[in-house]
């Protein structure tokens, strides 16, 4: 069973998967991946599909990272399909692994502290996703990237892969990467989610964190359609914090959208119902968290 890791917490030796459902989600994570690599003085290698970025500048633009300071020459490298599978041949996992091994050796000789690799592997396979070849590649990659100088994030577009294949890809990784938290303190973590759109709230919401929660809610205020707040790991939520959620729901109702609260601990569900806030316009109460 893989566990989630924030993109900013990736470290050399990690081999994680990114199962994305929208370009917004992928772009947000890629942005953190690239910034983290630049900050850690890593070389960044992007395996591009036919519709991927043609070069480093296009990758930066895709990640909304224009205007970075100079000195990036050589730090970002994009491998196009023709470079990954010369001619019309099928991409060979062992050959690709050899390319990555050479890139890791070259990054060390160039003075980088590590190498980080990412790419949409289904898009790289020009003749269509091949489950057996991808799983062979993932197995080889997991062994190769267990060293302390390399890390890899393997991207999979869940809109293009069947569920059985996605399960197989996920099981080939120990970790699943997600965006960095909007809020991360000793007692509270709030993370943007994308499928469905919304937030995951974990920990304690009290007077000291109301402003942070309000700011996090504002970050999804412009989302089109309904929003889901996943709350199964909420340990404490005071009345003022609940009031923030009700205010947010009413604002969404004015836009003909709803806010679904899922995973609520039973005692919070009881409080909401007792006060009568379960009838708040724009609010939907999802399944409660089983204790």
C-alpha atoms as a PDB file:
ATOM      1  CA  UNK A   1       0.000   0.000   0.000  1.00  0.00           C
ATOM      2  CA  UNK A   2       1.577   3.311  -1.072  1.00  0.00           C
ATOM      3  CA  UNK A   3       1.383   6.360   1.145  1.00  0.00           C
ATOM      4  CA  UNK A   4       1.134  10.021   0.220  1.00  0.00           C
ATOM      5  CA  UNK A   5       4.160  12.290   0.180  1.00  0.00           C
ATOM      6  CA  UNK A   6       4.112  16.034  -0.438  1.00  0.00           C
ATOM      7  CA  UNK A   7       6.181  17.004  -3.448  1.00  0.00           C
ATOM      8  CA  UNK A   8       8.362  19.274  -1.329  1.00  0.00           C
ATOM      9  CA  UNK A   9       9.202  16.339   0.944  1.00  0.00           C
ATOM     10  CA  UNK A  10      10.648  14.154  -1.830  1.00  0.00           C
ATOM     11  CA  UNK A  11      14.206  13.049  -1.184  1.00  0.00           C
ATOM     12  CA  UNK A  12      16.853  11.213  -3.235  1.00  0.00           C
ATOM     13  CA  UNK A  13      16.048   7.519  -3.212  1.00  0.00           C
ATOM     14  CA  UNK A  14      12.284   8.104  -3.552  1.00  0.00           C
ATOM     15  CA  UNK A  15      10.372   6.377  -6.351  1.00  0.00           C
ATOM     16  CA  UNK A  16       6.852   7.822  -6.301  1.00  0.00           C
ATOM     17  CA  UNK A  17       3.863   7.874  -8.620  1.00  0.00           C
ATOM     18  CA  UNK A  18       1.736  10.846  -9.636  1.00  0.00           C
ATOM     19  CA  UNK A  19      -1.788   9.777 -10.586  1.00  0.00           C
ATOM     20  CA  UNK A  20      -3.313  12.969 -11.946  1.00  0.00           C
ATOM     21  CA  UNK A  21      -6.800  13.752 -13.239  1.00  0.00           C
ATOM     22  CA  UNK A  22      -6.299  17.284 -14.548  1.00  0.00           C
ATOM     23  CA  UNK A  23      -3.600  19.481 -16.001  1.00  0.00           C
ATOM     24  CA  UNK A  24      -4.078  21.849 -13.068  1.00  0.00           C
ATOM     25  CA  UNK A  25      -3.109  19.096 -10.637  1.00  0.00           C
ATOM     26  CA  UNK A  26      -0.107  17.971 -12.672  1.00  0.00           C
ATOM     27  CA  UNK A  27       1.119  21.530 -13.186  1.00  0.00           C
ATOM     28  CA  UNK A  28       0.904  22.292  -9.461  1.00  0.00           C
ATOM     29  CA  UNK A  29       2.972  19.225  -8.583  1.00  0.00           C
ATOM     30  CA  UNK A  30       5.468  19.706 -11.423  1.00  0.00           C
ATOM     31  CA  UNK A  31       6.015  23.262 -10.267  1.00  0.00           C
ATOM     32  CA  UNK A  32       6.952  22.044  -6.787  1.00  0.00           C
ATOM     33  CA  UNK A  33       9.078  19.265  -8.285  1.00  0.00           C
ATOM     34  CA  UNK A  34      11.111  21.682 -10.421  1.00  0.00           C
ATOM     35  CA  UNK A  35      11.459  24.316  -7.692  1.00  0.00           C
ATOM     36  CA  UNK A  36      12.544  21.650  -5.216  1.00  0.00           C
ATOM     37  CA  UNK A  37      15.153  20.402  -7.649  1.00  0.00           C
ATOM     38  CA  UNK A  38      16.544  23.850  -8.306  1.00  0.00           C
ATOM     39  CA  UNK A  39      16.680  24.607  -4.582  1.00  0.00           C
ATOM     40  CA  UNK A  40      18.436  21.294  -3.828  1.00  0.00           C
ATOM     41  CA  UNK A  41      20.929  21.791  -6.676  1.00  0.00           C
ATOM     42  CA  UNK A  42      19.684  18.708  -8.512  1.00  0.00           C
ATOM     43  CA  UNK A  43      19.711  18.145 -12.233  1.00  0.00           C
ATOM     44  CA  UNK A  44      16.166  17.680 -13.588  1.00  0.00           C
ATOM     45  CA  UNK A  45      15.413  15.263 -16.421  1.00  0.00           C
ATOM     46  CA  UNK A  46      11.963  15.300 -18.044  1.00  0.00           C
ATOM     47  CA  UNK A  47      10.808  12.380 -20.222  1.00  0.00           C
ATOM     48  CA  UNK A  48       8.418  14.010 -22.673  1.00  0.00           C
ATOM     49  CA  UNK A  49       5.669  12.428 -24.727  1.00  0.00           C
ATOM     50  CA  UNK A  50       4.686  13.569 -28.206  1.00  0.00           C
ATOM     51  CA  UNK A  51       2.620  16.429 -26.785  1.00  0.00           C
ATOM     52  CA  UNK A  52       5.030  17.238 -23.944  1.00  0.00           C
ATOM     53  CA  UNK A  53       7.289  20.279 -23.603  1.00  0.00           C
ATOM     54  CA  UNK A  54       9.831  20.436 -26.458  1.00  0.00           C
ATOM     55  CA  UNK A  55      12.576  21.890 -24.288  1.00  0.00           C
ATOM     56  CA  UNK A  56      13.561  23.346 -20.894  1.00  0.00           C
ATOM     57  CA  UNK A  57      11.991  26.768 -21.505  1.00  0.00           C
ATOM     58  CA  UNK A  58       8.670  25.195 -22.485  1.00  0.00           C
ATOM     59  CA  UNK A  59       8.815  23.054 -19.329  1.00  0.00           C
ATOM     60  CA  UNK A  60       9.319  26.166 -17.190  1.00  0.00           C
ATOM     61  CA  UNK A  61       6.386  27.869 -18.928  1.00  0.00           C
ATOM     62  CA  UNK A  62       4.222  24.794 -18.362  1.00  0.00           C
ATOM     63  CA  UNK A  63       5.101  24.983 -14.665  1.00  0.00           C
ATOM     64  CA  UNK A  64       4.368  28.739 -14.600  1.00  0.00           C
ATOM     65  CA  UNK A  65       7.980  29.429 -13.653  1.00  0.00           C
ATOM     66  CA  UNK A  66       8.881  32.209 -16.030  1.00  0.00           C
ATOM     67  CA  UNK A  67      11.134  34.979 -14.730  1.00  0.00           C
ATOM     68  CA  UNK A  68      13.444  32.750 -12.693  1.00  0.00           C
ATOM     69  CA  UNK A  69      16.990  34.074 -12.160  1.00  0.00           C
ATOM     70  CA  UNK A  70      19.608  33.085 -14.721  1.00  0.00           C
ATOM     71  CA  UNK A  71      22.101  30.283 -14.445  1.00  0.00           C
ATOM     72  CA  UNK A  72      19.688  27.467 -15.336  1.00  0.00           C
ATOM     73  CA  UNK A  73      21.606  26.330 -18.422  1.00  0.00           C
ATOM     74  CA  UNK A  74      22.077  22.582 -18.241  1.00  0.00           C
ATOM     75  CA  UNK A  75      20.078  22.133 -15.047  1.00  0.00           C
ATOM     76  CA  UNK A  76      16.918  21.120 -16.913  1.00  0.00           C
ATOM     77  CA  UNK A  77      16.992  18.576 -19.713  1.00  0.00           C
ATOM     78  CA  UNK A  78      14.047  17.330 -21.779  1.00  0.00           C
ATOM     79  CA  UNK A  79      14.246  14.005 -23.627  1.00  0.00           C
ATOM     80  CA  UNK A  80      11.845  13.784 -26.563  1.00  0.00           C
ATOM     81  CA  UNK A  81      10.299  10.492 -27.802  1.00  0.00           C
ATOM     82  CA  UNK A  82      12.769  10.212 -30.690  1.00  0.00           C
ATOM     83  CA  UNK A  83      15.615  10.284 -28.159  1.00  0.00           C
ATOM     84  CA  UNK A  84      13.970   7.719 -25.901  1.00  0.00           C
ATOM     85  CA  UNK A  85      13.110   5.253 -28.687  1.00  0.00           C
ATOM     86  CA  UNK A  86      15.208   6.023 -31.786  1.00  0.00           C
ATOM     87  CA  UNK A  87      13.640   5.270 -35.160  1.00  0.00           C
ATOM     88  CA  UNK A  88      10.283   3.562 -35.068  1.00  0.00           C
ATOM     89  CA  UNK A  89      11.315   1.005 -32.470  1.00  0.00           C
ATOM     90  CA  UNK A  90       9.410   0.292 -29.312  1.00  0.00           C
ATOM     91  CA  UNK A  91      10.697   1.824 -26.130  1.00  0.00           C
ATOM     92  CA  UNK A  92      12.787  -0.749 -24.319  1.00  0.00           C
ATOM     93  CA  UNK A  93      12.724  -0.518 -20.493  1.00  0.00           C
ATOM     94  CA  UNK A  94      16.296  -1.720 -20.082  1.00  0.00           C
ATOM     95  CA  UNK A  95      17.560   0.737 -22.711  1.00  0.00           C
ATOM     96  CA  UNK A  96      15.686   3.592 -21.050  1.00  0.00           C
ATOM     97  CA  UNK A  97      17.123   2.616 -17.691  1.00  0.00           C
ATOM     98  CA  UNK A  98      20.564   2.759 -19.255  1.00  0.00           C
ATOM     99  CA  UNK A  99      19.873   6.308 -20.399  1.00  0.00           C
ATOM    100  CA  UNK A 100      18.838   7.275 -16.877  1.00  0.00           C
ATOM    101  CA  UNK A 101      21.915   5.622 -15.389  1.00  0.00           C
ATOM    102  CA  UNK A 102      24.127   7.585 -17.781  1.00  0.00           C
ATOM    103  CA  UNK A 103      22.251  10.777 -16.869  1.00  0.00           C
ATOM    104  CA  UNK A 104      22.830  10.096 -13.157  1.00  0.00           C
ATOM    105  CA  UNK A 105      26.553   9.550 -13.743  1.00  0.00           C
ATOM    106  CA  UNK A 106      26.754  12.700 -15.850  1.00  0.00           C
ATOM    107  CA  UNK A 107      24.948  14.776 -13.222  1.00  0.00           C
ATOM    108  CA  UNK A 108      27.528  13.698 -10.632  1.00  0.00           C
ATOM    109  CA  UNK A 109      30.421  14.568 -12.904  1.00  0.00           C
ATOM    110  CA  UNK A 110      28.850  17.987 -13.540  1.00  0.00           C
ATOM    111  CA  UNK A 111      28.752  18.697  -9.805  1.00  0.00           C
ATOM    112  CA  UNK A 112      25.036  18.329  -9.094  1.00  0.00           C
ATOM    113  CA  UNK A 113      23.971  16.944  -5.733  1.00  0.00           C
ATOM    114  CA  UNK A 114      21.466  14.574  -7.297  1.00  0.00           C
ATOM    115  CA  UNK A 115      19.252  13.743 -10.251  1.00  0.00           C
ATOM    116  CA  UNK A 116      15.473  13.886 -10.315  1.00  0.00           C
ATOM    117  CA  UNK A 117      13.511  12.345 -13.175  1.00  0.00           C
ATOM    118  CA  UNK A 118       9.856  12.638 -14.137  1.00  0.00           C
ATOM    119  CA  UNK A 119       7.636  12.043 -17.145  1.00  0.00           C
ATOM    120  CA  UNK A 120       4.226  10.839 -18.323  1.00  0.00           C
ATOM    121  CA  UNK A 121       5.158   7.272 -19.171  1.00  0.00           C
ATOM    122  CA  UNK A 122       1.952   6.464 -21.042  1.00  0.00           C
ATOM    123  CA  UNK A 123       2.603   9.451 -23.296  1.00  0.00           C
ATOM    124  CA  UNK A 124       6.219   8.391 -23.818  1.00  0.00           C
ATOM    125  CA  UNK A 125       5.042   5.084 -25.308  1.00  0.00           C
ATOM    126  CA  UNK A 126       4.109   6.320 -28.749  1.00  0.00           C
ATOM    127  CA  UNK A 127       2.532   3.003 -29.791  1.00  0.00           C
ATOM    128  CA  UNK A 128       0.162   3.025 -26.849  1.00  0.00           C
ATOM    129  CA  UNK A 129       0.463   2.077 -23.173  1.00  0.00           C
ATOM    130  CA  UNK A 130       1.857  -1.438 -22.732  1.00  0.00           C
ATOM    131  CA  UNK A 131       1.234  -2.670 -19.217  1.00  0.00           C
ATOM    132  CA  UNK A 132       3.917  -5.349 -19.211  1.00  0.00           C
ATOM    133  CA  UNK A 133       6.623  -3.007 -20.530  1.00  0.00           C
ATOM    134  CA  UNK A 134       5.701  -0.242 -18.094  1.00  0.00           C
ATOM    135  CA  UNK A 135       5.677  -2.585 -15.122  1.00  0.00           C
ATOM    136  CA  UNK A 136       9.052  -3.978 -16.180  1.00  0.00           C
ATOM    137  CA  UNK A 137      10.386  -0.432 -16.374  1.00  0.00           C
ATOM    138  CA  UNK A 138       8.937   0.396 -12.946  1.00  0.00           C
ATOM    139  CA  UNK A 139      10.517  -2.696 -11.398  1.00  0.00           C
ATOM    140  CA  UNK A 140      13.920  -1.840 -12.837  1.00  0.00           C
ATOM    141  CA  UNK A 141      13.535   1.801 -11.823  1.00  0.00           C
ATOM    142  CA  UNK A 142      12.632   0.951  -8.226  1.00  0.00           C
ATOM    143  CA  UNK A 143      15.871  -1.016  -7.898  1.00  0.00           C
ATOM    144  CA  UNK A 144      18.043   1.540  -9.678  1.00  0.00           C
ATOM    145  CA  UNK A 145      16.692   4.582  -7.831  1.00  0.00           C
ATOM    146  CA  UNK A 146      17.078   3.151  -4.350  1.00  0.00           C
ATOM    147  CA  UNK A 147      20.419   4.976  -4.210  1.00  0.00           C
ATOM    148  CA  UNK A 148      20.749   8.168  -2.210  1.00  0.00           C
ATOM    149  CA  UNK A 149      21.431  10.434  -5.206  1.00  0.00           C
ATOM    150  CA  UNK A 150      18.446   9.910  -7.504  1.00  0.00           C
ATOM    151  CA  UNK A 151      14.667  10.214  -7.273  1.00  0.00           C
ATOM    152  CA  UNK A 152      11.865   9.596  -9.735  1.00  0.00           C
ATOM    153  CA  UNK A 153       8.213  10.624 -10.054  1.00  0.00           C
ATOM    154  CA  UNK A 154       6.321   8.533 -12.609  1.00  0.00           C
ATOM    155  CA  UNK A 155       3.286  10.359 -13.981  1.00  0.00           C
ATOM    156  CA  UNK A 156       0.102   8.541 -15.012  1.00  0.00           C
ATOM    157  CA  UNK A 157      -2.951  10.283 -16.418  1.00  0.00           C
ATOM    158  CA  UNK A 158      -5.885   8.445 -14.869  1.00  0.00           C
ATOM    159  CA  UNK A 159      -8.090   9.667 -17.726  1.00  0.00           C
ATOM    160  CA  UNK A 160      -6.043   7.568 -20.157  1.00  0.00           C
ATOM    161  CA  UNK A 161      -5.469   4.400 -18.126  1.00  0.00           C
ATOM    162  CA  UNK A 162      -7.954   1.691 -17.245  1.00  0.00           C
ATOM    163  CA  UNK A 163      -8.514   1.020 -13.516  1.00  0.00           C
ATOM    164  CA  UNK A 164      -6.679  -2.323 -13.517  1.00  0.00           C
ATOM    165  CA  UNK A 165      -3.586  -0.722 -15.046  1.00  0.00           C
ATOM    166  CA  UNK A 166      -3.713   2.151 -12.550  1.00  0.00           C
ATOM    167  CA  UNK A 167      -3.825  -0.303  -9.650  1.00  0.00           C
ATOM    168  CA  UNK A 168      -0.790  -2.082 -11.072  1.00  0.00           C
ATOM    169  CA  UNK A 169       1.144   1.168 -11.539  1.00  0.00           C
ATOM    170  CA  UNK A 170       0.274   2.383  -8.041  1.00  0.00           C
ATOM    171  CA  UNK A 171       1.328  -0.920  -6.477  1.00  0.00           C
ATOM    172  CA  UNK A 172       4.750  -0.587  -8.153  1.00  0.00           C
ATOM    173  CA  UNK A 173       5.457   2.475  -5.986  1.00  0.00           C
ATOM    174  CA  UNK A 174       5.765   2.858  -2.235  1.00  0.00           C
ATOM    175  CA  UNK A 175       4.631   6.496  -2.320  1.00  0.00           C
ATOM    176  CA  UNK A 176       2.113   8.673  -4.153  1.00  0.00           C
ATOM    177  CA  UNK A 177       3.057  12.323  -4.595  1.00  0.00           C
ATOM    178  CA  UNK A 178       0.681  15.208  -3.963  1.00  0.00           C
ATOM    179  CA  UNK A 179       0.896  19.003  -3.788  1.00  0.00           C
ATOM    180  CA  UNK A 180       2.511  20.718  -0.853  1.00  0.00           C
ATOM    181  CA  UNK A 181       0.056  21.754   1.887  1.00  0.00           C
ATOM    182  CA  UNK A 182      -1.622  25.131   1.850  1.00  0.00           C
ATOM    183  CA  UNK A 183      -1.347  25.021   5.645  1.00  0.00           C
ATOM    184  CA  UNK A 184       1.185  23.013   7.638  1.00  0.00           C
ATOM    185  CA  UNK A 185       1.681  23.687  11.315  1.00  0.00           C
ATOM    186  CA  UNK A 186       2.384  21.453  14.288  1.00  0.00           C
ATOM    187  CA  UNK A 187      -1.362  20.908  14.756  1.00  0.00           C
ATOM    188  CA  UNK A 188      -3.018  21.505  11.376  1.00  0.00           C
ATOM    189  CA  UNK A 189      -2.505  20.414   7.768  1.00  0.00           C
ATOM    190  CA  UNK A 190      -4.694  21.531   4.866  1.00  0.00           C
ATOM    191  CA  UNK A 191      -4.019  20.123   1.400  1.00  0.00           C
ATOM    192  CA  UNK A 192      -5.594  21.049  -1.939  1.00  0.00           C
ATOM    193  CA  UNK A 193      -7.283  18.091  -3.639  1.00  0.00           C
ATOM    194  CA  UNK A 194      -8.271  17.797  -7.284  1.00  0.00           C
ATOM    195  CA  UNK A 195     -10.349  14.683  -7.858  1.00  0.00           C
ATOM    196  CA  UNK A 196     -12.845  15.782  -6.699  1.00  0.00           C
ATOM    197  CA  UNK A 197     -11.789  19.409  -6.198  1.00  0.00           C
ATOM    198  CA  UNK A 198     -11.575  20.653  -2.646  1.00  0.00           C
ATOM    199  CA  UNK A 199      -9.456  20.394   0.495  1.00  0.00           C
ATOM    200  CA  UNK A 200      -8.311  17.723   2.916  1.00  0.00           C
ATOM    201  CA  UNK A 201      -8.246  19.019   6.489  1.00  0.00           C
ATOM    202  CA  UNK A 202      -6.274  17.178   9.177  1.00  0.00           C
ATOM    203  CA  UNK A 203      -5.617  17.953  12.834  1.00  0.00           C
ATOM    204  CA  UNK A 204      -6.890  20.738  15.077  1.00  0.00           C
ATOM    205  CA  UNK A 205      -8.921  23.782  14.021  1.00  0.00           C
ATOM    206  CA  UNK A 206      -9.118  26.319  16.834  1.00  0.00           C
ATOM    207  CA  UNK A 207      -8.806  30.050  17.382  1.00  0.00           C
ATOM    208  CA  UNK A 208      -5.134  29.989  16.453  1.00  0.00           C
ATOM    209  CA  UNK A 209      -5.803  28.533  13.010  1.00  0.00           C
ATOM    210  CA  UNK A 210      -9.026  30.238  11.857  1.00  0.00           C
ATOM    211  CA  UNK A 211      -7.208  32.702   9.611  1.00  0.00           C
ATOM    212  CA  UNK A 212      -5.260  29.911   7.915  1.00  0.00           C
ATOM    213  CA  UNK A 213      -8.426  27.883   7.346  1.00  0.00           C
ATOM    214  CA  UNK A 214     -10.185  30.944   5.937  1.00  0.00           C
ATOM    215  CA  UNK A 215      -7.310  31.531   3.511  1.00  0.00           C
ATOM    216  CA  UNK A 216      -7.365  27.869   2.447  1.00  0.00           C
ATOM    217  CA  UNK A 217     -11.097  28.061   1.747  1.00  0.00           C
ATOM    218  CA  UNK A 218     -10.519  31.172  -0.357  1.00  0.00           C
ATOM    219  CA  UNK A 219      -8.051  29.209  -2.482  1.00  0.00           C
ATOM    220  CA  UNK A 220     -10.906  27.004  -3.740  1.00  0.00           C
ATOM    221  CA  UNK A 221     -13.591  29.706  -3.784  1.00  0.00           C
ATOM    222  CA  UNK A 222     -13.282  30.110  -7.549  1.00  0.00           C
ATOM    223  CA  UNK A 223     -13.523  26.399  -8.347  1.00  0.00           C
ATOM    224  CA  UNK A 224     -16.263  25.713 -10.852  1.00  0.00           C
ATOM    225  CA  UNK A 225     -18.816  23.216  -9.639  1.00  0.00           C
ATOM    226  CA  UNK A 226     -19.064  21.512  -6.289  1.00  0.00           C
ATOM    227  CA  UNK A 227     -16.294  21.328  -3.685  1.00  0.00           C
ATOM    228  CA  UNK A 228     -15.525  18.515  -1.269  1.00  0.00           C
ATOM    229  CA  UNK A 229     -13.894  18.987   2.140  1.00  0.00           C
ATOM    230  CA  UNK A 230     -12.420  15.694   3.382  1.00  0.00           C
ATOM    231  CA  UNK A 231     -12.377  15.744   7.195  1.00  0.00           C
ATOM    232  CA  UNK A 232     -11.836  12.179   8.397  1.00  0.00           C
ATOM    233  CA  UNK A 233      -8.574  13.175  10.152  1.00  0.00           C
ATOM    234  CA  UNK A 234      -9.937  16.225  11.946  1.00  0.00           C
ATOM    235  CA  UNK A 235      -9.188  15.814  15.644  1.00  0.00           C
ATOM    236  CA  UNK A 236     -10.871  18.999  16.896  1.00  0.00           C
ATOM    237  CA  UNK A 237     -13.006  21.680  15.274  1.00  0.00           C
ATOM    238  CA  UNK A 238     -14.440  24.491  17.388  1.00  0.00           C
ATOM    239  CA  UNK A 239     -17.748  26.266  16.762  1.00  0.00           C
ATOM    240  CA  UNK A 240     -16.054  29.246  15.138  1.00  0.00           C
ATOM    241  CA  UNK A 241     -14.301  26.871  12.747  1.00  0.00           C
ATOM    242  CA  UNK A 242     -17.621  25.215  11.912  1.00  0.00           C
ATOM    243  CA  UNK A 243     -19.096  28.654  11.313  1.00  0.00           C
ATOM    244  CA  UNK A 244     -16.347  29.315   8.747  1.00  0.00           C
ATOM    245  CA  UNK A 245     -17.430  26.200   6.867  1.00  0.00           C
ATOM    246  CA  UNK A 246     -21.093  27.231   6.950  1.00  0.00           C
ATOM    247  CA  UNK A 247     -20.221  30.705   5.646  1.00  0.00           C
ATOM    248  CA  UNK A 248     -18.249  29.102   2.833  1.00  0.00           C
ATOM    249  CA  UNK A 249     -21.187  26.836   1.977  1.00  0.00           C
ATOM    250  CA  UNK A 250     -23.589  29.777   1.777  1.00  0.00           C
ATOM    251  CA  UNK A 251     -21.174  31.610  -0.528  1.00  0.00           C
ATOM    252  CA  UNK A 252     -21.021  28.558  -2.780  1.00  0.00           C
ATOM    253  CA  UNK A 253     -24.812  28.318  -2.783  1.00  0.00           C
ATOM    254  CA  UNK A 254     -24.967  31.862  -4.167  1.00  0.00           C
ATOM    255  CA  UNK A 255     -23.037  30.470  -7.164  1.00  0.00           C
ATOM    256  CA  UNK A 256     -25.418  27.509  -7.437  1.00  0.00           C
ATOM    257  CA  UNK A 257     -22.752  25.127  -6.131  1.00  0.00           C
ATOM    258  CA  UNK A 258     -22.444  22.966  -3.038  1.00  0.00           C
ATOM    259  CA  UNK A 259     -19.851  22.086  -0.411  1.00  0.00           C
ATOM    260  CA  UNK A 260     -19.763  18.459   0.697  1.00  0.00           C
ATOM    261  CA  UNK A 261     -18.290  17.617   4.097  1.00  0.00           C
ATOM    262  CA  UNK A 262     -17.095  14.010   4.042  1.00  0.00           C
ATOM    263  CA  UNK A 263     -15.577  11.864   6.753  1.00  0.00           C
ATOM    264  CA  UNK A 264     -16.933  14.000   9.576  1.00  0.00           C
ATOM    265  CA  UNK A 265     -16.406  12.432  13.002  1.00  0.00           C
ATOM    266  CA  UNK A 266     -19.817  11.453  14.423  1.00  0.00           C
ATOM    267  CA  UNK A 267     -19.638  13.994  17.253  1.00  0.00           C
ATOM    268  CA  UNK A 268     -19.175  16.866  14.767  1.00  0.00           C
ATOM    269  CA  UNK A 269     -22.010  15.570  12.645  1.00  0.00           C
ATOM    270  CA  UNK A 270     -24.148  15.520  15.778  1.00  0.00           C
ATOM    271  CA  UNK A 271     -23.221  19.125  16.619  1.00  0.00           C
ATOM    272  CA  UNK A 272     -24.033  20.347  13.102  1.00  0.00           C
ATOM    273  CA  UNK A 273     -27.411  18.610  13.203  1.00  0.00           C
ATOM    274  CA  UNK A 274     -28.199  19.753  16.745  1.00  0.00           C
ATOM    275  CA  UNK A 275     -27.585  23.414  15.906  1.00  0.00           C
ATOM    276  CA  UNK A 276     -29.545  23.101  12.667  1.00  0.00           C
ATOM    277  CA  UNK A 277     -26.596  23.874  10.403  1.00  0.00           C
ATOM    278  CA  UNK A 278     -27.330  20.734   8.401  1.00  0.00           C
ATOM    279  CA  UNK A 279     -29.957  22.879   6.631  1.00  0.00           C
ATOM    280  CA  UNK A 280     -27.379  25.516   5.603  1.00  0.00           C
ATOM    281  CA  UNK A 281     -27.819  26.474   1.913  1.00  0.00           C
ATOM    282  CA  UNK A 282     -25.093  24.939  -0.213  1.00  0.00           C
ATOM    283  CA  UNK A 283     -24.120  22.332   2.368  1.00  0.00           C
ATOM    284  CA  UNK A 284     -24.136  18.572   1.809  1.00  0.00           C
ATOM    285  CA  UNK A 285     -23.173  16.093   4.504  1.00  0.00           C
ATOM    286  CA  UNK A 286     -21.373  13.059   3.138  1.00  0.00           C
ATOM    287  CA  UNK A 287     -20.636   9.800   4.826  1.00  0.00           C
ATOM    288  CA  UNK A 288     -19.398  10.103   8.403  1.00  0.00           C
ATOM    289  CA  UNK A 289     -16.036   8.734   9.446  1.00  0.00           C
ATOM    290  CA  UNK A 290     -16.328   5.344  11.108  1.00  0.00           C
ATOM    291  CA  UNK A 291     -14.649   5.356  14.495  1.00  0.00           C
END
